[in-house]
Amino acid sequence: MLETLILFGFCLLAGLISLGVFAYLVMTGQILTLDGIALTIISLTIGGVFMLNVVWSVFTGELKRAMEHAKKKPDSAEPPSVPSGQASS
C-alpha cells in the first residue's frame, strides 16, 4: 500500500507542476506566442493525464484504503502466540 501512496503523491505533484506551468504562461503573456501555445497544449495534456490518475484513485476509494492501511499499527509489535500443546524452544 505504500507504493499506492507514493504513486498518488507523485501524480499529484506532477499534475500541479504542469498546471503551474500553464498559470505561468498565462500570467506572463507568453501564451500568445507559438511556443507558448505548444507548451500550453503539452503541459495541459500531461497535467490532465496525471490528475486523471489522482481523481480515479479518489473516486474508486483506493486512496482511502491505502490511508487506512498506513494508519494501522504494525502487528510485529506483539509477540507471536504459540499454540497450546507445543513447547516453545
PDB file of N, CA and C in Angstrom:
ATOM      1  N   MET A   1       0.813  -1.198   0.000  1.00  0.00           N
ATOM      2  CA  MET A   1       0.000   0.000   0.000  1.00  0.00           C
ATOM      3  C   MET A   1       0.859   1.266   0.000  1.00  0.00           C
ATOM      4  N   LEU A   2       2.105   1.136   0.413  1.00  0.00           N
ATOM      5  CA  LEU A   2       2.981   2.297   0.413  1.00  0.00           C
ATOM      6  C   LEU A   2       3.221   2.792  -1.013  1.00  0.00           C
ATOM      7  N   GLU A   3       3.323   1.856  -1.955  1.00  0.00           N
ATOM      8  CA  GLU A   3       3.553   2.266  -3.342  1.00  0.00           C
ATOM      9  C   GLU A   3       2.347   3.024  -3.899  1.00  0.00           C
ATOM     10  N   THR A   4       1.146   2.724  -3.403  1.00  0.00           N
ATOM     11  CA  THR A   4      -0.042   3.459  -3.828  1.00  0.00           C
ATOM     12  C   THR A   4       0.038   4.912  -3.378  1.00  0.00           C
ATOM     13  N   LEU A   5       0.472   5.114  -2.138  1.00  0.00           N
ATOM     14  CA  LEU A   5       0.604   6.478  -1.621  1.00  0.00           C
ATOM     15  C   LEU A   5       1.708   7.252  -2.335  1.00  0.00           C
ATOM     16  N   ILE A   6       2.805   6.571  -2.636  1.00  0.00           N
ATOM     17  CA  ILE A   6       3.904   7.226  -3.348  1.00  0.00           C
ATOM     18  C   ILE A   6       3.466   7.593  -4.766  1.00  0.00           C
ATOM     19  N   LEU A   7       2.764   6.688  -5.435  1.00  0.00           N
ATOM     20  CA  LEU A   7       2.258   6.971  -6.778  1.00  0.00           C
ATOM     21  C   LEU A   7       1.273   8.132  -6.760  1.00  0.00           C
ATOM     22  N   PHE A   8       0.395   8.148  -5.764  1.00  0.00           N
ATOM     23  CA  PHE A   8      -0.578   9.235  -5.630  1.00  0.00           C
ATOM     24  C   PHE A   8       0.145  10.572  -5.441  1.00  0.00           C
ATOM     25  N   GLY A   9       1.134  10.590  -4.566  1.00  0.00           N
ATOM     26  CA  GLY A   9       1.891  11.825  -4.328  1.00  0.00           C
ATOM     27  C   GLY A   9       2.640  12.300  -5.559  1.00  0.00           C
ATOM     28  N   PHE A  10       3.254  11.353  -6.281  1.00  0.00           N
ATOM     29  CA  PHE A  10       3.978  11.724  -7.496  1.00  0.00           C
ATOM     30  C   PHE A  10       3.034  12.282  -8.561  1.00  0.00           C
ATOM     31  N   CYS A  11       1.899  11.627  -8.746  1.00  0.00           N
ATOM     32  CA  CYS A  11       0.935  12.088  -9.750  1.00  0.00           C
ATOM     33  C   CYS A  11       0.372  13.461  -9.380  1.00  0.00           C
ATOM     34  N   LEU A  12       0.101  13.655  -8.105  1.00  0.00           N
ATOM     35  CA  LEU A  12      -0.404  14.955  -7.659  1.00  0.00           C
ATOM     36  C   LEU A  12       0.635  16.042  -7.876  1.00  0.00           C
ATOM     37  N   LEU A  13       1.884  15.759  -7.545  1.00  0.00           N
ATOM     38  CA  LEU A  13       2.959  16.733  -7.732  1.00  0.00           C
ATOM     39  C   LEU A  13       3.169  17.061  -9.210  1.00  0.00           C
ATOM     40  N   ALA A  14       3.214  16.043 -10.053  1.00  0.00           N
ATOM     41  CA  ALA A  14       3.422  16.264 -11.484  1.00  0.00           C
ATOM     42  C   ALA A  14       2.250  17.030 -12.104  1.00  0.00           C
ATOM     43  N   GLY A  15       1.035  16.716 -11.670  1.00  0.00           N
ATOM     44  CA  GLY A  15      -0.134  17.431 -12.184  1.00  0.00           C
ATOM     45  C   GLY A  15      -0.140  18.888 -11.773  1.00  0.00           C
ATOM     46  N   LEU A  16       0.222  19.161 -10.523  1.00  0.00           N
ATOM     47  CA  LEU A  16       0.250  20.549 -10.054  1.00  0.00           C
ATOM     48  C   LEU A  16       1.369  21.356 -10.709  1.00  0.00           C
ATOM     49  N   ILE A  17       2.499  20.718 -10.956  1.00  0.00           N
ATOM     50  CA  ILE A  17       3.590  21.416 -11.653  1.00  0.00           C
ATOM     51  C   ILE A  17       3.163  21.762 -13.078  1.00  0.00           C
ATOM     52  N   SER A  18       2.509  20.834 -13.756  1.00  0.00           N
ATOM     53  CA  SER A  18       2.043  21.094 -15.117  1.00  0.00           C
ATOM     54  C   SER A  18       1.024  22.228 -15.154  1.00  0.00           C
ATOM     55  N   LEU A  19       0.119  22.252 -14.178  1.00  0.00           N
ATOM     56  CA  LEU A  19      -0.843  23.348 -14.114  1.00  0.00           C
ATOM     57  C   LEU A  19      -0.160  24.662 -13.728  1.00  0.00           C
ATOM     58  N   GLY A  20       0.901  24.570 -12.947  1.00  0.00           N
ATOM     59  CA  GLY A  20       1.684  25.762 -12.612  1.00  0.00           C
ATOM     60  C   GLY A  20       2.381  26.349 -13.830  1.00  0.00           C
ATOM     61  N   VAL A  21       2.872  25.498 -14.712  1.00  0.00           N
ATOM     62  CA  VAL A  21       3.487  25.978 -15.958  1.00  0.00           C
ATOM     63  C   VAL A  21       2.454  26.720 -16.792  1.00  0.00           C
ATOM     64  N   PHE A  22       1.251  26.175 -16.863  1.00  0.00           N
ATOM     65  CA  PHE A  22       0.180  26.840 -17.604  1.00  0.00           C
ATOM     66  C   PHE A  22      -0.154  28.201 -16.986  1.00  0.00           C
ATOM     67  N   ALA A  23      -0.239  28.253 -15.668  1.00  0.00           N
ATOM     68  CA  ALA A  23      -0.533  29.523 -14.994  1.00  0.00           C
ATOM     69  C   ALA A  23       0.573  30.542 -15.233  1.00  0.00           C
ATOM     70  N   TYR A  24       1.818  30.090 -15.234  1.00  0.00           N
ATOM     71  CA  TYR A  24       2.946  30.987 -15.505  1.00  0.00           C
ATOM     72  C   TYR A  24       2.856  31.565 -16.919  1.00  0.00           C
ATOM     73  N   LEU A  25       2.517  30.721 -17.881  1.00  0.00           N
ATOM     74  CA  LEU A  25       2.407  31.197 -19.265  1.00  0.00           C
ATOM     75  C   LEU A  25       1.291  32.226 -19.416  1.00  0.00           C
ATOM     76  N   VAL A  26       0.203  32.013 -18.710  1.00  0.00           N
ATOM     77  CA  VAL A  26      -0.910  32.962 -18.787  1.00  0.00           C
ATOM     78  C   VAL A  26      -0.526  34.283 -18.126  1.00  0.00           C
ATOM     79  N   MET A  27       0.104  34.220 -16.964  1.00  0.00           N
ATOM     80  CA  MET A  27       0.441  35.444 -16.214  1.00  0.00           C
ATOM     81  C   MET A  27       1.497  36.277 -16.918  1.00  0.00           C
ATOM     82  N   THR A  28       2.435  35.647 -17.607  1.00  0.00           N
ATOM     83  CA  THR A  28       3.489  36.399 -18.289  1.00  0.00           C
ATOM     84  C   THR A  28       3.104  36.819 -19.698  1.00  0.00           C
ATOM     85  N   GLY A  29       1.998  36.321 -20.202  1.00  0.00           N
ATOM     86  CA  GLY A  29       1.551  36.690 -21.541  1.00  0.00           C
ATOM     87  C   GLY A  29       2.222  35.906 -22.649  1.00  0.00           C
ATOM     88  N   GLN A  30       3.007  34.905 -22.292  1.00  0.00           N
ATOM     89  CA  GLN A  30       3.697  34.103 -23.305  1.00  0.00           C
ATOM     90  C   GLN A  30       2.767  33.111 -23.995  1.00  0.00           C
ATOM     91  N   ILE A  31       1.548  33.011 -23.524  1.00  0.00           N
ATOM     92  CA  ILE A  31       0.598  32.073 -24.117  1.00  0.00           C
ATOM     93  C   ILE A  31       0.199  32.508 -25.530  1.00  0.00           C
ATOM     94  N   LEU A  32       0.428  33.776 -25.862  1.00  0.00           N
ATOM     95  CA  LEU A  32       0.035  34.292 -27.173  1.00  0.00           C
ATOM     96  C   LEU A  32       1.077  34.014 -28.252  1.00  0.00           C
ATOM     97  N   THR A  33       2.220  33.461 -27.876  1.00  0.00           N
ATOM     98  CA  THR A  33       3.236  33.133 -28.875  1.00  0.00           C
ATOM     99  C   THR A  33       3.039  31.688 -29.342  1.00  0.00           C
ATOM    100  N   LEU A  34       3.673  31.336 -30.435  1.00  0.00           N
ATOM    101  CA  LEU A  34       3.556  29.986 -30.954  1.00  0.00           C
ATOM    102  C   LEU A  34       4.169  28.972 -29.992  1.00  0.00           C
ATOM    103  N   ASP A  35       5.314  29.318 -29.404  1.00  0.00           N
ATOM    104  CA  ASP A  35       5.925  28.437 -28.415  1.00  0.00           C
ATOM    105  C   ASP A  35       5.045  28.303 -27.180  1.00  0.00           C
ATOM    106  N   GLY A  36       4.411  29.380 -26.786  1.00  0.00           N
ATOM    107  CA  GLY A  36       3.535  29.350 -25.622  1.00  0.00           C
ATOM    108  C   GLY A  36       2.319  28.469 -25.837  1.00  0.00           C
ATOM    109  N   ILE A  37       1.773  28.519 -27.044  1.00  0.00           N
ATOM    110  CA  ILE A  37       0.618  27.673 -27.356  1.00  0.00           C
ATOM    111  C   ILE A  37       1.017  26.200 -27.327  1.00  0.00           C
ATOM    112  N   ALA A  38       2.163  25.877 -27.902  1.00  0.00           N
ATOM    113  CA  ALA A  38       2.629  24.485 -27.902  1.00  0.00           C
ATOM    114  C   ALA A  38       2.908  24.007 -26.480  1.00  0.00           C
ATOM    115  N   LEU A  39       3.568  24.846 -25.679  1.00  0.00           N
ATOM    116  CA  LEU A  39       3.861  24.470 -24.301  1.00  0.00           C
ATOM    117  C   LEU A  39       2.586  24.344 -23.475  1.00  0.00           C
ATOM    118  N   THR A  40       1.600  25.171 -23.762  1.00  0.00           N
ATOM    119  CA  THR A  40       0.315  25.085 -23.070  1.00  0.00           C
ATOM    120  C   THR A  40      -0.378  23.766 -23.371  1.00  0.00           C
ATOM    121  N   ILE A  41      -0.407  23.383 -24.635  1.00  0.00           N
ATOM    122  CA  ILE A  41      -1.050  22.125 -25.022  1.00  0.00           C
ATOM    123  C   ILE A  41      -0.333  20.946 -24.363  1.00  0.00           C
ATOM    124  N   ILE A  42       0.988  20.973 -24.378  1.00  0.00           N
ATOM    125  CA  ILE A  42       1.755  19.876 -23.797  1.00  0.00           C
ATOM    126  C   ILE A  42       1.561  19.811 -22.292  1.00  0.00           C
ATOM    127  N   SER A  43       1.666  20.943 -21.607  1.00  0.00           N
ATOM    128  CA  SER A  43       1.558  20.923 -20.143  1.00  0.00           C
ATOM    129  C   SER A  43       0.147  20.570 -19.682  1.00  0.00           C
ATOM    130  N   LEU A  44      -0.876  21.043 -20.393  1.00  0.00           N
ATOM    131  CA  LEU A  44      -2.240  20.682 -20.008  1.00  0.00           C
ATOM    132  C   LEU A  44      -2.529  19.210 -20.268  1.00  0.00           C
ATOM    133  N   THR A  45      -1.960  18.655 -21.322  1.00  0.00           N
ATOM    134  CA  THR A  45      -2.146  17.227 -21.601  1.00  0.00           C
ATOM    135  C   THR A  45      -1.471  16.374 -20.532  1.00  0.00           C
ATOM    136  N   ILE A  46      -0.236  16.692 -20.218  1.00  0.00           N
ATOM    137  CA  ILE A  46       0.485  15.934 -19.188  1.00  0.00           C
ATOM    138  C   ILE A  46      -0.190  16.103 -17.830  1.00  0.00           C
ATOM    139  N   GLY A  47      -0.569  17.320 -17.504  1.00  0.00           N
ATOM    140  CA  GLY A  47      -1.253  17.568 -16.241  1.00  0.00           C
ATOM    141  C   GLY A  47      -2.584  16.835 -16.164  1.00  0.00           C
ATOM    142  N   GLY A  48      -3.303  16.782 -17.268  1.00  0.00           N
ATOM    143  CA  GLY A  48      -4.574  16.076 -17.290  1.00  0.00           C
ATOM    144  C   GLY A  48      -4.415  14.585 -17.077  1.00  0.00           C
ATOM    145  N   VAL A  49      -3.396  13.997 -17.663  1.00  0.00           N
ATOM    146  CA  VAL A  49      -3.161  12.559 -17.503  1.00  0.00           C
ATOM    147  C   VAL A  49      -2.822  12.235 -16.048  1.00  0.00           C
ATOM    148  N   PHE A  50      -1.939  13.019 -15.448  1.00  0.00           N
ATOM    149  CA  PHE A  50      -1.563  12.754 -14.064  1.00  0.00           C
ATOM    150  C   PHE A  50      -2.712  13.042 -13.105  1.00  0.00           C
ATOM    151  N   MET A  51      -3.461  14.097 -13.337  1.00  0.00           N
ATOM    152  CA  MET A  51      -4.574  14.418 -12.443  1.00  0.00           C
ATOM    153  C   MET A  51      -5.723  13.424 -12.620  1.00  0.00           C
ATOM    154  N   LEU A  52      -5.839  12.821 -13.803  1.00  0.00           N
ATOM    155  CA  LEU A  52      -6.847  11.785 -14.002  1.00  0.00           C
ATOM    156  C   LEU A  52      -6.577  10.587 -13.097  1.00  0.00           C
ATOM    157  N   ASN A  53      -5.309  10.242 -12.929  1.00  0.00           N
ATOM    158  CA  ASN A  53      -4.949   9.156 -12.025  1.00  0.00           C
ATOM    159  C   ASN A  53      -5.291   9.521 -10.580  1.00  0.00           C
ATOM    160  N   VAL A  54      -5.069  10.773 -10.196  1.00  0.00           N
ATOM    161  CA  VAL A  54      -5.402  11.229  -8.847  1.00  0.00           C
ATOM    162  C   VAL A  54      -6.908  11.145  -8.621  1.00  0.00           C
ATOM    163  N   VAL A  55      -7.677  11.660  -9.562  1.00  0.00           N
ATOM    164  CA  VAL A  55      -9.135  11.642  -9.436  1.00  0.00           C
ATOM    165  C   VAL A  55      -9.654  10.209  -9.413  1.00  0.00           C
ATOM    166  N   TRP A  56      -9.081   9.343 -10.224  1.00  0.00           N
ATOM    167  CA  TRP A  56      -9.537   7.959 -10.273  1.00  0.00           C
ATOM    168  C   TRP A  56      -9.277   7.241  -8.955  1.00  0.00           C
ATOM    169  N   SER A  57      -8.122   7.468  -8.341  1.00  0.00           N
ATOM    170  CA  SER A  57      -7.835   6.786  -7.080  1.00  0.00           C
ATOM    171  C   SER A  57      -8.709   7.314  -5.948  1.00  0.00           C
ATOM    172  N   VAL A  58      -9.114   8.572  -6.004  1.00  0.00           N
ATOM    173  CA  VAL A  58     -10.041   9.100  -5.003  1.00  0.00           C
ATOM    174  C   VAL A  58     -11.443   8.557  -5.267  1.00  0.00           C
ATOM    175  N   PHE A  59     -11.855   8.513  -6.527  1.00  0.00           N
ATOM    176  CA  PHE A  59     -13.198   8.068  -6.899  1.00  0.00           C
ATOM    177  C   PHE A  59     -13.437   6.601  -6.560  1.00  0.00           C
ATOM    178  N   THR A  60     -12.451   5.749  -6.804  1.00  0.00           N
ATOM    179  CA  THR A  60     -12.621   4.320  -6.550  1.00  0.00           C
ATOM    180  C   THR A  60     -12.396   3.954  -5.095  1.00  0.00           C
ATOM    181  N   GLY A  61     -11.891   4.855  -4.292  1.00  0.00           N
ATOM    182  CA  GLY A  61     -11.639   4.578  -2.882  1.00  0.00           C
ATOM    183  C   GLY A  61     -10.292   3.950  -2.622  1.00  0.00           C
ATOM    184  N   GLU A  62      -9.454   3.866  -3.630  1.00  0.00           N
ATOM    185  CA  GLU A  62      -8.131   3.274  -3.475  1.00  0.00           C
ATOM    186  C   GLU A  62      -7.278   4.090  -2.509  1.00  0.00           C
ATOM    187  N   LEU A  63      -7.388   5.395  -2.573  1.00  0.00           N
ATOM    188  CA  LEU A  63      -6.617   6.259  -1.677  1.00  0.00           C
ATOM    189  C   LEU A  63      -7.067   6.075  -0.231  1.00  0.00           C
ATOM    190  N   LYS A  64      -8.366   5.965  -0.023  1.00  0.00           N
ATOM    191  CA  LYS A  64      -8.894   5.791   1.336  1.00  0.00           C
ATOM    192  C   LYS A  64      -8.412   4.475   1.937  1.00  0.00           C
ATOM    193  N   ARG A  65      -8.432   3.402   1.147  1.00  0.00           N
ATOM    194  CA  ARG A  65      -7.946   2.110   1.636  1.00  0.00           C
ATOM    195  C   ARG A  65      -6.454   2.169   1.953  1.00  0.00           C
ATOM    196  N   ALA A  66      -5.692   2.844   1.123  1.00  0.00           N
ATOM    197  CA  ALA A  66      -4.250   2.944   1.361  1.00  0.00           C
ATOM    198  C   ALA A  66      -3.958   3.760   2.618  1.00  0.00           C
ATOM    199  N   MET A  67      -4.726   4.817   2.834  1.00  0.00           N
ATOM    200  CA  MET A  67      -4.524   5.636   4.033  1.00  0.00           C
ATOM    201  C   MET A  67      -4.900   4.852   5.290  1.00  0.00           C
ATOM    202  N   GLU A  68      -5.980   4.075   5.238  1.00  0.00           N
ATOM    203  CA  GLU A  68      -6.379   3.265   6.394  1.00  0.00           C
ATOM    204  C   GLU A  68      -5.344   2.186   6.685  1.00  0.00           C
ATOM    205  N   HIS A  69      -4.787   1.606   5.639  1.00  0.00           N
ATOM    206  CA  HIS A  69      -3.766   0.576   5.826  1.00  0.00           C
ATOM    207  C   HIS A  69      -2.494   1.174   6.408  1.00  0.00           C
ATOM    208  N   ALA A  70      -2.156   2.393   6.028  1.00  0.00           N
ATOM    209  CA  ALA A  70      -0.949   3.044   6.534  1.00  0.00           C
ATOM    210  C   ALA A  70      -1.108   3.465   7.996  1.00  0.00           C
ATOM    211  N   LYS A  71      -2.342   3.727   8.430  1.00  0.00           N
ATOM    212  CA  LYS A  71      -2.577   4.157   9.808  1.00  0.00           C
ATOM    213  C   LYS A  71      -2.577   2.997  10.796  1.00  0.00           C
ATOM    214  N   LYS A  72      -2.737   1.762  10.304  1.00  0.00           N
ATOM    215  CA  LYS A  72      -2.757   0.604  11.196  1.00  0.00           C
ATOM    216  C   LYS A  72      -1.411   0.460  11.892  1.00  0.00           C
ATOM    217  N   LYS A  73      -1.464  -0.020  13.139  1.00  0.00           N
ATOM    218  CA  LYS A  73      -0.227  -0.308  13.860  1.00  0.00           C
ATOM    219  C   LYS A  73       0.341  -1.614  13.320  1.00  0.00           C
ATOM    220  N   PRO A  74       1.634  -1.710  13.218  1.00  0.00           N
ATOM    221  CA  PRO A  74       2.210  -2.967  12.720  1.00  0.00           C
ATOM    222  C   PRO A  74       1.968  -4.102  13.715  1.00  0.00           C
ATOM    223  N   ASP A  75       1.692  -5.283  13.194  1.00  0.00           N
ATOM    224  CA  ASP A  75       1.423  -6.439  14.038  1.00  0.00           C
ATOM    225  C   ASP A  75       2.702  -7.036  14.616  1.00  0.00           C
ATOM    226  N   SER A  76       3.850  -6.610  14.146  1.00  0.00           N
ATOM    227  CA  SER A  76       5.108  -7.178  14.617  1.00  0.00           C
ATOM    228  C   SER A  76       5.431  -6.747  16.038  1.00  0.00           C
ATOM    229  N   ALA A  77       4.721  -5.780  16.608  1.00  0.00           N
ATOM    230  CA  ALA A  77       4.977  -5.332  17.967  1.00  0.00           C
ATOM    231  C   ALA A  77       4.497  -6.365  18.984  1.00  0.00           C
ATOM    232  N   GLU A  78       3.546  -7.207  18.609  1.00  0.00           N
ATOM    233  CA  GLU A  78       3.021  -8.220  19.509  1.00  0.00           C
ATOM    234  C   GLU A  78       3.844  -9.499  19.358  1.00  0.00           C
ATOM    235  N   PRO A  79       4.120 -10.182  20.481  1.00  0.00           N
ATOM    236  CA  PRO A  79       4.863 -11.447  20.356  1.00  0.00           C
ATOM    237  C   PRO A  79       3.977 -12.504  19.696  1.00  0.00           C
ATOM    238  N   PRO A  80       4.571 -13.379  18.905  1.00  0.00           N
ATOM    239  CA  PRO A  80       3.770 -14.408  18.246  1.00  0.00           C
ATOM    240  C   PRO A  80       3.222 -15.383  19.274  1.00  0.00           C
ATOM    241  N   SER A  81       2.001 -15.806  19.069  1.00  0.00           N
ATOM    242  CA  SER A  81       1.383 -16.746  20.007  1.00  0.00           C
ATOM    243  C   SER A  81       1.777 -18.165  19.634  1.00  0.00           C
ATOM    244  N   VAL A  82       2.018 -18.962  20.661  1.00  0.00           N
ATOM    245  CA  VAL A  82       2.399 -20.358  20.460  1.00  0.00           C
ATOM    246  C   VAL A  82       1.164 -21.207  20.731  1.00  0.00           C
ATOM    247  N   PRO A  83       0.755 -22.053  19.777  1.00  0.00           N
ATOM    248  CA  PRO A  83      -0.419 -22.888  20.015  1.00  0.00           C
ATOM    249  C   PRO A  83      -0.209 -23.815  21.218  1.00  0.00           C
ATOM    250  N   SER A  84      -1.280 -24.090  21.948  1.00  0.00           N
ATOM    251  CA  SER A  84      -1.164 -24.963  23.116  1.00  0.00           C
ATOM    252  C   SER A  84      -0.823 -26.378  22.674  1.00  0.00           C
ATOM    253  N   GLY A  85      -0.071 -27.032  23.476  1.00  0.00           N
ATOM    254  CA  GLY A  85       0.339 -28.406  23.156  1.00  0.00           C
ATOM    255  C   GLY A  85       1.704 -28.453  22.504  1.00  0.00           C
ATOM    256  N   GLN A  86       2.254 -27.324  22.130  1.00  0.00           N
ATOM    257  CA  GLN A  86       3.590 -27.295  21.528  1.00  0.00           C
ATOM    258  C   GLN A  86       4.504 -26.521  22.469  1.00  0.00           C
ATOM    259  N   ALA A  87       5.656 -27.060  22.680  1.00  0.00           N
ATOM    260  CA  ALA A  87       6.622 -26.412  23.560  1.00  0.00           C
ATOM    261  C   ALA A  87       7.390 -25.360  22.753  1.00  0.00           C
ATOM    262  N   SER A  88       7.627 -24.244  23.396  1.00  0.00           N
ATOM    263  CA  SER A  88       8.424 -23.213  22.724  1.00  0.00           C
ATOM    264  C   SER A  88       9.888 -23.460  23.007  1.00  0.00           C
ATOM    265  N   SER A  89      10.730 -23.302  22.026  1.00  0.00           N
ATOM    266  CA  SER A  89      12.145 -23.556  22.232  1.00  0.00           C
ATOM    267  C   SER A  89      12.933 -22.286  22.282  1.00  0.00           C
TER     268      SER A  89
END
